[in-house]
Amino acid sequence: MSQLLSSGDHDAPHLVKVELTDGWYTIQAHLDEALSCCVKDGKIAVGTKLGVGNALLVGSDDGIDPLDPAYSSSSGKCKSHLKLFFNTTRRARWDSKMGWLAENTCLKTKIEDSRPGGGNLGPIEVVIHRKYPKQFLETVNGRNTVLTEAEEFQARENNDNKRDEYSASELVNDEVEAEVNTNAPSVYAEMMRTNDPGEFYQTLGFRQQKVIDDWRERLPILRNDAYQKRVSARMSNHEGGARKSKPFVKLMVSTLTLARFGEIHSQKTFNLTYWDVSDDAYASLAETHTLAIKGATVKYLNGGSAMEVNVSRRTDIKTLGITSDDNLFASAFKGRSWLRSIKDFGEASLGARNTEVDICGVANKVVVMNNICCVYVALEEGKYVRLERENGEISDIRRWSLSNSLTGAGNSHKRGSPLQKNKEWMVRNVVLTGYDQYEGCHVVRWGRNSECKERDQNSESIVW
């Protein structure tokens, strides 16, 4: 920073304007609110070197000529400037070389160092602690609903059936034919009004026949486009409205810390939502893997006390593979601990209420109480844990499935594989809600992030 130009103006009294230089040229820079506070607090002053990433050039899409006096930062009429954001700006060492940074030396940032209103995140590396099942955000008539994979399949099937119903409607067929015929060439319309179109066609000249032939080639495409338009319009006017859905997956992550620094990172983890995730990208995500991300956005919840990182398929994301055990330890990674005994549940219940846990046991009994499906899972000592799930849609409880995903046998595309008694099941991402004194068992609640799978009896360890 070579000069403080303004501590605020009439339009933005709380934002600071400064002059930056790389030792050769200068440019005006406008700081966001968080960086402006750093200037006012004396943390950034004239002579401070800054490492800047994701800076936005405003007022000149094609760049500027640094030797043109019209673009000088000292010119009061110069509207070209850099816009700097707190989340991608850091103080540099006093002996740092000034100028352009190569891509492999770009400033890496930490999620926990970001601030509300500080812009997008710079390059970050995160460790995946938990990967949850794929979900879908359904939008109908401006209302959003989160669906599991099985619910999305059912909703899509219902939507397709409704579309087929409208497509088969005679009214739609009549409307399509009327629309297509309105744009038909006059010679074609005249031919179709005759008693013998084939004979009429033979009496025409070459050019008129060519007009009819070209129209006949276009007719299937025009009809299909008209069908889609009419059906979509009718579905939009239907009480269900036009339906859109976007896939996403939630991850629990923390900033990667390298073991060579000899420190253990903070225990803080963050939710990362990957929007519009493809099947290949979803399959490449795995717990204990490290992701390198550039340009993630950050959303602040509860007045800025909690953060959620958001990425999409347009974000630059690279999977760096399995993280070493030393780096996992330094990054405060906690692997899954399967609860199989009352002792395990006793230790887990010492934590905060509504703790997320994974259990492994034999499903012995299924009952319904107050519209809630309860599965009693036997643990190693013969004691039970009660798994609860609200279940107001399925009348025959024997067909109820624990699965939110499409995996499983039988009618897996409907609800997942049906729950079978007297088999050992792995159930993960359920919430430990408390202890039922009357029945003498711990209680866990099934949620949208929950999954289940039958345990492989040939494996000594519990492997998902």
Protein backbone atom coordinates (compact mmCIF):
# COMPACT_ATOMS: atom_id res chain seq x y z
CA MET A 1 0.00 0.00 0.00
CA SER A 2 1.64 3.22 -1.17
CA GLN A 3 -0.97 5.83 -0.27
CA LEU A 4 -4.24 6.31 1.63
CA LEU A 5 -6.54 8.14 -0.77
CA SER A 6 -9.78 8.34 1.19
CA SER A 7 -11.20 7.16 4.49
CA GLY A 8 -14.68 7.12 2.98
CA ASP A 9 -16.87 9.35 0.86
CA HIS A 10 -20.48 10.52 0.68
CA ASP A 11 -21.69 7.36 -1.11
CA ALA A 12 -19.82 4.90 1.13
CA PRO A 13 -18.48 6.64 4.27
CA HIS A 14 -17.36 3.36 5.85
CA LEU A 15 -15.25 2.14 2.86
CA VAL A 16 -11.59 3.06 2.40
CA LYS A 17 -9.81 3.82 -0.89
CA VAL A 18 -6.05 3.29 -1.20
CA GLU A 19 -3.31 3.30 -3.80
CA LEU A 20 -1.40 0.06 -4.46
CA THR A 21 1.91 -0.32 -6.25
CA ASP A 22 4.06 -3.23 -7.40
CA GLY A 23 7.12 -0.98 -7.38
CA TRP A 24 6.58 0.14 -10.98
CA TYR A 25 2.95 1.10 -11.51
CA THR A 26 0.13 2.25 -9.29
CA ILE A 27 -3.62 1.60 -9.25
CA GLN A 28 -6.48 2.73 -7.08
CA ALA A 29 -8.10 0.05 -4.89
CA HIS A 30 -11.44 0.09 -3.07
CA LEU A 31 -11.52 -2.04 0.09
CA ASP A 32 -14.54 -3.88 1.45
CA GLU A 33 -15.87 -3.17 4.91
CA ALA A 34 -13.70 -5.72 6.76
CA LEU A 35 -10.48 -4.53 5.08
CA SER A 36 -11.47 -0.90 5.67
CA CYS A 37 -11.71 -1.68 9.38
CA CYS A 38 -8.18 -3.11 9.25
CA VAL A 39 -6.93 0.19 7.81
CA LYS A 40 -8.76 2.25 10.40
CA ASP A 41 -7.42 -0.02 13.19
CA GLY A 42 -3.85 0.43 11.93
CA LYS A 43 -3.38 -3.22 10.90
CA ILE A 44 -2.85 -2.07 7.30
CA ALA A 45 -0.88 1.13 6.74
CA VAL A 46 1.26 2.85 4.12
CA GLY A 47 4.19 0.51 3.43
CA THR A 48 2.29 -2.69 4.30
CA LYS A 49 2.72 -5.42 1.69
CA LEU A 50 -0.45 -7.29 0.77
CA GLY A 51 -1.00 -10.66 -0.88
CA VAL A 52 -4.16 -10.31 -2.98
CA GLY A 53 -6.26 -12.91 -4.75
CA ASN A 54 -9.60 -12.78 -6.59
CA ALA A 55 -9.32 -8.99 -7.00
CA LEU A 56 -11.98 -7.51 -9.26
CA LEU A 57 -11.04 -4.92 -11.91
CA VAL A 58 -13.88 -2.39 -12.14
CA GLY A 59 -14.35 0.22 -14.86
CA SER A 60 -12.24 -1.36 -17.61
CA ASP A 61 -13.14 -4.76 -19.05
CA ASP A 62 -10.10 -4.82 -21.36
CA GLY A 63 -7.50 -3.69 -18.81
CA ILE A 64 -5.75 -0.33 -18.59
CA ASP A 65 -2.55 1.27 -19.82
CA PRO A 66 -0.47 2.00 -16.70
CA LEU A 67 1.36 4.84 -18.50
CA ASP A 68 -1.85 6.66 -19.46
CA PRO A 69 -2.26 9.58 -17.00
CA ALA A 70 -6.05 9.29 -17.31
CA TYR A 71 -5.82 6.04 -15.36
CA SER A 72 -3.56 7.40 -12.64
CA SER A 73 -4.83 6.71 -9.13
CA SER A 74 -4.18 10.39 -8.28
CA SER A 75 -6.67 11.46 -10.95
CA GLY A 76 -9.99 12.35 -9.42
CA LYS A 77 -11.80 11.36 -12.61
CA CYS A 78 -10.34 7.86 -12.89
CA LYS A 79 -13.12 5.31 -12.50
CA SER A 80 -10.95 2.22 -13.02
CA HIS A 81 -9.94 0.52 -9.81
CA LEU A 82 -9.39 -2.81 -8.11
CA LYS A 83 -11.94 -4.10 -5.63
CA LEU A 84 -10.32 -6.04 -2.79
CA PHE A 85 -12.03 -8.52 -0.47
CA PHE A 86 -11.03 -9.53 3.04
CA ASN A 87 -11.34 -13.28 2.49
CA THR A 88 -8.70 -13.24 -0.28
CA THR A 89 -6.36 -10.52 1.03
CA ARG A 90 -3.57 -11.12 3.53
CA ARG A 91 -0.62 -9.17 4.90
CA ALA A 92 2.61 -10.39 3.30
CA ARG A 93 6.10 -10.67 4.76
CA TRP A 94 8.18 -7.49 4.61
CA ASP A 95 10.69 -9.12 2.25
CA SER A 96 8.09 -10.67 -0.10
CA LYS A 97 8.72 -10.10 -3.81
CA MET A 98 6.12 -7.77 -5.31
CA GLY A 99 4.30 -8.39 -8.59
CA TRP A 100 2.28 -11.16 -10.19
CA LEU A 101 1.98 -14.45 -8.31
CA ALA A 102 2.20 -17.70 -10.25
CA GLU A 103 -0.81 -20.00 -9.96
CA ASN A 104 1.01 -22.57 -7.84
CA THR A 105 1.99 -19.88 -5.34
CA CYS A 106 -1.52 -18.42 -4.92
CA LEU A 107 -2.49 -17.58 -1.36
CA LYS A 108 -4.19 -20.46 0.41
CA THR A 109 -6.89 -19.42 2.86
CA LYS A 110 -8.67 -21.06 5.76
CA ILE A 111 -12.42 -21.33 6.13
CA GLU A 112 -12.32 -20.23 9.75
CA ASP A 113 -10.42 -17.03 8.87
CA SER A 114 -13.20 -15.72 6.60
CA ARG A 115 -15.64 -12.99 7.62
CA PRO A 116 -19.22 -12.06 6.71
CA GLY A 117 -19.24 -9.77 3.69
CA GLY A 118 -15.61 -10.61 2.91
CA GLY A 119 -16.28 -12.06 -0.55
CA ASN A 120 -15.64 -15.56 -1.90
CA LEU A 121 -12.94 -17.82 -0.51
CA GLY A 122 -9.53 -18.16 -2.09
CA PRO A 123 -7.81 -21.53 -2.68
CA ILE A 124 -8.61 -23.89 0.20
CA GLU A 125 -7.77 -27.50 0.98
CA VAL A 126 -10.26 -29.41 3.12
CA VAL A 127 -10.50 -32.91 4.57
CA ILE A 128 -13.83 -34.72 4.22
CA HIS A 129 -14.99 -35.97 7.64
CA ARG A 130 -18.47 -37.06 6.59
CA LYS A 131 -20.15 -37.63 3.25
CA TYR A 132 -23.94 -37.72 3.34
CA PRO A 133 -26.41 -39.19 0.83
CA LYS A 134 -27.28 -37.26 -2.31
CA GLN A 135 -30.42 -35.11 -2.00
CA PHE A 136 -32.49 -32.97 -4.34
CA LEU A 137 -33.92 -29.46 -4.05
CA GLU A 138 -37.34 -29.54 -5.69
CA THR A 139 -38.93 -26.26 -6.80
CA VAL A 140 -42.65 -26.12 -7.58
CA ASN A 141 -44.49 -22.79 -7.89
CA GLY A 142 -41.61 -21.01 -6.15
CA ARG A 143 -41.68 -23.35 -3.14
CA ASN A 144 -38.57 -25.39 -2.30
CA THR A 145 -38.64 -28.88 -0.82
CA VAL A 146 -35.67 -31.12 0.00
CA LEU A 147 -36.11 -34.71 -1.23
CA THR A 148 -34.14 -37.88 -0.70
CA GLU A 149 -33.01 -39.88 -3.72
CA ALA A 150 -35.93 -42.27 -3.39
CA GLU A 151 -38.41 -39.41 -3.01
CA GLU A 152 -36.92 -37.69 -6.05
CA PHE A 153 -37.38 -40.84 -8.13
CA GLN A 154 -41.01 -41.11 -7.05
CA ALA A 155 -41.68 -37.41 -7.70
CA ARG A 156 -40.05 -37.64 -11.13
CA GLU A 157 -42.10 -40.72 -11.96
CA ASN A 158 -45.32 -39.00 -10.91
CA ASN A 159 -44.36 -35.95 -12.97
CA ASP A 160 -43.65 -38.10 -16.04
CA ASN A 161 -46.97 -39.89 -15.65
CA LYS A 162 -48.76 -36.57 -15.46
CA ARG A 163 -46.87 -35.36 -18.54
CA ASP A 164 -47.84 -38.54 -20.43
CA GLU A 165 -51.45 -38.01 -19.37
CA TYR A 166 -51.45 -34.49 -20.76
CA SER A 167 -49.61 -35.60 -23.91
CA ALA A 168 -52.33 -38.16 -24.64
CA SER A 169 -55.07 -35.59 -24.21
CA GLU A 170 -57.16 -35.07 -27.37
CA LEU A 171 -57.39 -31.36 -26.51
CA VAL A 172 -53.59 -31.07 -26.63
CA ASN A 173 -53.52 -32.93 -29.95
CA ASP A 174 -56.11 -30.57 -31.43
CA GLU A 175 -54.26 -27.50 -30.16
CA VAL A 176 -50.96 -28.75 -31.60
CA GLU A 177 -52.44 -29.49 -35.02
CA ALA A 178 -54.13 -26.10 -35.09
CA GLU A 179 -50.88 -24.32 -34.20
CA VAL A 180 -48.80 -26.24 -36.76
CA ASN A 181 -51.34 -25.81 -39.55
CA THR A 182 -51.45 -22.07 -38.95
CA ASN A 183 -47.84 -21.80 -40.11
CA ALA A 184 -48.15 -24.30 -43.00
CA PRO A 185 -47.43 -23.10 -46.58
CA SER A 186 -50.57 -22.18 -48.51
CA VAL A 187 -49.95 -24.87 -51.15
CA TYR A 188 -49.72 -27.54 -48.43
CA ALA A 189 -52.91 -26.30 -46.77
CA GLU A 190 -54.70 -26.33 -50.13
CA MET A 191 -53.51 -29.88 -50.80
CA MET A 192 -54.79 -31.14 -47.41
CA ARG A 193 -58.25 -29.70 -48.11
CA THR A 194 -58.66 -31.79 -51.27
CA ASN A 195 -60.25 -35.23 -51.37
CA ASP A 196 -57.11 -36.80 -52.88
CA PRO A 197 -53.89 -35.06 -51.66
CA GLY A 198 -51.70 -37.52 -53.59
CA GLU A 199 -53.30 -36.70 -56.91
CA PHE A 200 -53.13 -32.96 -56.13
CA TYR A 201 -49.40 -33.30 -55.39
CA GLN A 202 -48.77 -34.91 -58.82
CA THR A 203 -50.33 -31.95 -60.59
CA LEU A 204 -47.93 -29.47 -58.99
CA GLY A 205 -44.72 -28.14 -60.46
CA PHE A 206 -41.24 -28.95 -59.15
CA ARG A 207 -40.91 -25.84 -56.95
CA GLN A 208 -44.29 -26.30 -55.31
CA GLN A 209 -43.55 -29.98 -54.67
CA LYS A 210 -40.22 -28.91 -53.10
CA VAL A 211 -42.08 -26.56 -50.74
CA ILE A 212 -44.37 -29.40 -49.64
CA ASP A 213 -41.47 -31.86 -49.24
CA ASP A 214 -39.51 -29.39 -47.08
CA TRP A 215 -42.58 -28.76 -44.92
CA ARG A 216 -43.16 -32.50 -44.45
CA GLU A 217 -39.56 -32.90 -43.24
CA ARG A 218 -40.00 -30.10 -40.70
CA LEU A 219 -43.44 -31.21 -39.56
CA PRO A 220 -42.38 -33.88 -36.96
CA ILE A 221 -39.98 -31.45 -35.29
CA LEU A 222 -42.57 -28.67 -35.22
CA ARG A 223 -45.19 -31.02 -33.80
CA ASN A 224 -42.83 -32.24 -31.07
CA ASP A 225 -41.87 -28.69 -30.08
CA ALA A 226 -45.53 -27.68 -30.00
CA TYR A 227 -46.39 -30.75 -27.88
CA GLN A 228 -43.68 -29.95 -25.34
CA LYS A 229 -44.77 -26.33 -25.19
CA ARG A 230 -48.45 -27.17 -24.70
CA VAL A 231 -47.79 -29.92 -22.14
CA SER A 232 -45.42 -27.72 -20.11
CA ALA A 233 -47.97 -24.90 -20.14
CA ARG A 234 -50.73 -27.22 -18.92
CA MET A 235 -48.50 -28.64 -16.20
CA SER A 236 -47.58 -25.14 -15.07
CA ASN A 237 -51.26 -24.26 -14.80
CA HIS A 238 -51.93 -27.49 -12.93
CA GLU A 239 -52.17 -27.19 -9.16
CA GLY A 240 -48.85 -29.02 -8.89
CA GLY A 241 -47.11 -26.50 -11.13
CA ALA A 242 -44.01 -26.96 -13.26
CA ARG A 243 -41.36 -28.96 -11.43
CA LYS A 244 -37.59 -28.45 -11.30
CA SER A 245 -35.03 -30.26 -9.17
CA LYS A 246 -31.32 -29.81 -8.47
CA PRO A 247 -29.09 -32.52 -6.96
CA PHE A 248 -26.74 -31.69 -4.11
CA VAL A 249 -24.65 -33.41 -1.47
CA LYS A 250 -23.64 -32.20 1.97
CA LEU A 251 -20.17 -32.82 3.38
CA MET A 252 -18.66 -32.17 6.79
CA VAL A 253 -15.14 -30.79 6.29
CA SER A 254 -12.26 -29.10 8.09
CA THR A 255 -9.25 -27.18 6.83
CA LEU A 256 -6.29 -29.45 6.02
CA THR A 257 -3.35 -29.02 8.38
CA LEU A 258 0.01 -30.55 7.45
CA ALA A 259 1.66 -32.64 10.15
CA ARG A 260 5.08 -31.14 9.49
CA PHE A 261 4.02 -27.95 11.27
CA GLY A 262 3.84 -29.90 14.50
CA GLU A 263 0.40 -28.62 15.49
CA ILE A 264 -3.10 -29.98 15.83
CA HIS A 265 -5.72 -27.92 14.07
CA SER A 266 -8.81 -26.61 15.81
CA GLN A 267 -11.69 -29.07 16.23
CA LYS A 268 -14.03 -26.82 14.24
CA THR A 269 -15.76 -28.42 11.25
CA PHE A 270 -17.94 -26.85 8.58
CA ASN A 271 -20.80 -27.91 6.36
CA LEU A 272 -19.97 -27.86 2.65
CA THR A 273 -22.81 -28.11 0.11
CA TYR A 274 -21.93 -29.27 -3.41
CA TRP A 275 -24.75 -28.04 -5.69
CA ASP A 276 -25.67 -29.57 -9.03
CA VAL A 277 -23.30 -32.45 -8.33
CA SER A 278 -22.90 -35.00 -11.15
CA ASP A 279 -22.93 -38.75 -10.57
CA ASP A 280 -19.20 -39.00 -11.35
CA ALA A 281 -18.34 -36.15 -8.97
CA TYR A 282 -20.47 -37.68 -6.22
CA ALA A 283 -18.74 -41.04 -6.65
CA SER A 284 -15.29 -39.39 -6.43
CA LEU A 285 -16.05 -37.89 -2.99
CA ALA A 286 -15.00 -40.04 -0.06
CA GLU A 287 -14.35 -39.65 3.64
CA THR A 288 -10.63 -39.12 4.55
CA HIS A 289 -10.01 -37.61 1.08
CA THR A 290 -8.71 -34.08 0.57
CA LEU A 291 -10.28 -31.56 -1.80
CA ALA A 292 -8.56 -28.53 -3.33
CA ILE A 293 -11.16 -25.83 -4.06
CA LYS A 294 -10.91 -22.41 -5.70
CA GLY A 295 -13.69 -19.83 -5.69
CA ALA A 296 -16.04 -21.34 -3.12
CA THR A 297 -18.75 -19.09 -1.74
CA VAL A 298 -19.47 -18.88 1.95
CA LYS A 299 -22.84 -18.35 3.59
CA TYR A 300 -23.12 -17.08 7.13
CA LEU A 301 -25.89 -18.44 9.35
CA ASN A 302 -27.28 -17.39 12.73
CA GLY A 303 -26.07 -13.82 12.39
CA GLY A 304 -22.56 -14.84 11.33
CA SER A 305 -21.95 -17.34 14.16
CA ALA A 306 -21.99 -20.33 11.79
CA MET A 307 -20.70 -20.77 8.25
CA GLU A 308 -21.67 -22.98 5.33
CA VAL A 309 -19.40 -23.35 2.30
CA ASN A 310 -21.07 -23.70 -1.11
CA VAL A 311 -19.60 -25.04 -4.37
CA SER A 312 -21.06 -26.23 -7.67
CA ARG A 313 -19.91 -28.10 -10.76
CA ARG A 314 -18.64 -24.76 -12.12
CA THR A 315 -16.28 -24.38 -9.14
CA ASP A 316 -12.67 -25.46 -9.61
CA ILE A 317 -12.53 -28.65 -7.49
CA LYS A 318 -9.79 -31.28 -7.50
CA THR A 319 -9.70 -34.51 -5.50
CA LEU A 320 -6.22 -34.98 -4.03
CA GLY A 321 -6.86 -38.54 -2.85
CA ILE A 322 -6.59 -40.18 0.56
CA THR A 323 -5.10 -38.00 3.30
CA SER A 324 -2.16 -39.44 5.24
CA ASP A 325 -2.79 -40.58 8.83
CA ASP A 326 -0.44 -37.87 10.18
CA ASN A 327 -2.27 -35.11 8.31
CA LEU A 328 -5.64 -36.52 9.38
CA PHE A 329 -4.50 -36.36 13.00
CA ALA A 330 -3.16 -32.82 12.57
CA SER A 331 -6.48 -31.82 10.97
CA ALA A 332 -8.43 -33.19 13.98
CA PHE A 333 -10.13 -35.83 11.84
CA LYS A 334 -12.42 -38.19 13.74
CA GLY A 335 -13.30 -41.41 11.97
CA ARG A 336 -16.54 -43.26 12.41
CA SER A 337 -16.94 -45.19 15.64
CA TRP A 338 -19.62 -47.86 15.39
CA LEU A 339 -21.74 -48.23 18.53
CA ARG A 340 -22.33 -51.92 19.22
CA SER A 341 -22.75 -52.12 22.99
CA ILE A 342 -24.43 -50.34 25.86
CA LYS A 343 -20.98 -49.16 26.96
CA ASP A 344 -20.49 -47.47 23.58
CA PHE A 345 -23.86 -45.75 23.91
CA GLY A 346 -23.07 -44.66 27.44
CA GLU A 347 -19.87 -42.96 26.29
CA ALA A 348 -21.62 -41.35 23.29
CA SER A 349 -24.45 -40.01 25.48
CA LEU A 350 -21.91 -38.07 27.56
CA GLY A 351 -21.56 -35.67 24.62
CA ALA A 352 -23.98 -32.97 23.59
CA ARG A 353 -27.62 -33.86 23.08
CA ASN A 354 -28.62 -34.69 19.50
CA THR A 355 -25.21 -36.20 18.74
CA GLU A 356 -24.86 -37.92 15.37
CA VAL A 357 -23.84 -41.58 15.76
CA ASP A 358 -23.43 -44.81 13.77
CA ILE A 359 -24.81 -48.09 15.11
CA CYS A 360 -24.43 -51.75 14.23
CA GLY A 361 -26.80 -54.45 15.41
CA VAL A 362 -29.56 -56.95 14.57
CA ALA A 363 -33.04 -55.63 13.76
CA ASN A 364 -35.41 -57.83 15.79
CA LYS A 365 -38.73 -56.01 16.08
CA VAL A 366 -40.67 -53.33 14.17
CA VAL A 367 -43.69 -51.56 15.70
CA VAL A 368 -45.66 -48.37 15.13
CA MET A 369 -46.34 -45.96 17.97
CA ASN A 370 -48.17 -42.64 17.44
CA ASN A 371 -47.50 -42.66 13.70
CA ILE A 372 -43.77 -43.26 14.32
CA CYS A 373 -42.09 -46.41 13.07
CA CYS A 374 -39.81 -47.92 15.72
CA VAL A 375 -37.14 -50.50 14.91
CA TYR A 376 -35.58 -52.27 17.89
CA VAL A 377 -31.93 -53.07 17.18
CA ALA A 378 -30.26 -55.67 19.40
CA LEU A 379 -26.74 -54.88 20.62
CA GLU A 380 -23.99 -57.29 21.65
CA GLU A 381 -25.20 -57.84 25.25
CA GLY A 382 -28.79 -58.47 24.16
CA LYS A 383 -29.83 -54.94 25.08
CA TYR A 384 -31.75 -52.81 22.59
CA VAL A 385 -31.62 -49.39 21.02
CA ARG A 386 -34.82 -47.95 19.55
CA LEU A 387 -34.54 -46.41 16.09
CA GLU A 388 -37.42 -44.01 15.33
CA ARG A 389 -38.65 -42.67 12.04
CA GLU A 390 -41.81 -40.73 11.25
CA ASN A 391 -43.80 -42.87 8.87
CA GLY A 392 -47.19 -41.47 7.88
CA GLU A 393 -47.26 -42.62 4.26
CA ILE A 394 -46.77 -46.39 4.24
CA SER A 395 -49.66 -48.45 5.56
CA ASP A 396 -47.96 -51.85 5.50
CA ILE A 397 -45.06 -51.51 7.93
CA ARG A 398 -43.46 -54.75 6.76
CA ARG A 399 -42.59 -53.04 3.46
CA TRP A 400 -40.96 -50.06 5.14
CA SER A 401 -37.29 -49.54 4.29
CA LEU A 402 -34.59 -47.74 6.22
CA SER A 403 -32.90 -46.59 3.04
CA ASN A 404 -33.06 -43.04 1.70
CA SER A 405 -31.04 -43.98 -1.37
CA LEU A 406 -31.69 -46.15 -4.42
CA THR A 407 -29.32 -48.92 -3.39
CA GLY A 408 -30.58 -52.32 -2.31
CA ALA A 409 -32.32 -55.36 -3.67
CA GLY A 410 -35.84 -55.87 -4.94
CA ASN A 411 -37.73 -52.67 -5.74
CA SER A 412 -34.66 -50.62 -4.89
CA HIS A 413 -35.73 -47.73 -7.11
CA LYS A 414 -38.81 -47.25 -4.95
CA ARG A 415 -37.66 -47.15 -1.34
CA GLY A 416 -34.44 -49.18 -1.09
CA SER A 417 -34.18 -52.78 0.11
CA PRO A 418 -36.93 -53.79 2.58
CA LEU A 419 -35.90 -54.15 6.20
CA GLN A 420 -35.35 -57.82 7.07
CA LYS A 421 -35.34 -59.08 10.63
CA ASN A 422 -32.59 -61.14 12.29
CA LYS A 423 -29.87 -59.69 10.08
CA GLU A 424 -27.04 -57.48 11.24
CA TRP A 425 -27.35 -53.94 9.91
CA MET A 426 -25.04 -50.94 9.79
CA VAL A 427 -26.99 -47.71 10.26
CA ARG A 428 -25.10 -44.43 10.09
CA ASN A 429 -25.81 -40.71 10.51
CA VAL A 430 -28.64 -41.20 13.01
CA VAL A 431 -29.14 -38.80 15.93
CA LEU A 432 -28.88 -39.93 19.55
CA THR A 433 -31.78 -38.13 21.24
CA GLY A 434 -31.78 -39.58 24.76
CA TYR A 435 -32.64 -42.53 26.99
CA ASP A 436 -36.11 -44.02 27.52
CA GLN A 437 -36.35 -44.86 31.23
CA TYR A 438 -39.62 -46.78 30.78
CA GLU A 439 -38.29 -49.19 28.14
CA GLY A 440 -34.72 -49.03 29.38
CA CYS A 441 -33.11 -48.28 26.03
CA HIS A 442 -31.33 -45.50 24.17
CA VAL A 443 -33.29 -43.75 21.42
CA VAL A 444 -31.90 -42.66 18.04
CA ARG A 445 -33.75 -40.76 15.32
CA TRP A 446 -33.58 -41.42 11.58
CA GLY A 447 -33.10 -38.31 9.43
CA ARG A 448 -32.55 -37.30 5.83
CA ASN A 449 -28.81 -37.91 6.12
CA SER A 450 -29.28 -41.41 7.51
CA GLU A 451 -28.31 -44.56 5.62
CA CYS A 452 -28.35 -48.28 6.26
CA LYS A 453 -26.69 -51.32 4.77
CA GLU A 454 -26.54 -55.00 5.68
CA ARG A 455 -23.20 -55.91 7.21
CA ASP A 456 -20.90 -58.27 5.34
CA GLN A 457 -20.61 -61.26 7.67
CA ASN A 458 -17.42 -62.40 5.95
CA SER A 459 -15.56 -59.29 7.15
CA GLU A 460 -14.17 -59.20 10.68
CA SER A 461 -14.27 -55.40 10.80
CA ILE A 462 -17.23 -53.15 10.08
CA VAL A 463 -16.76 -51.81 6.56
CA TRP A 464 -19.35 -49.62 4.87
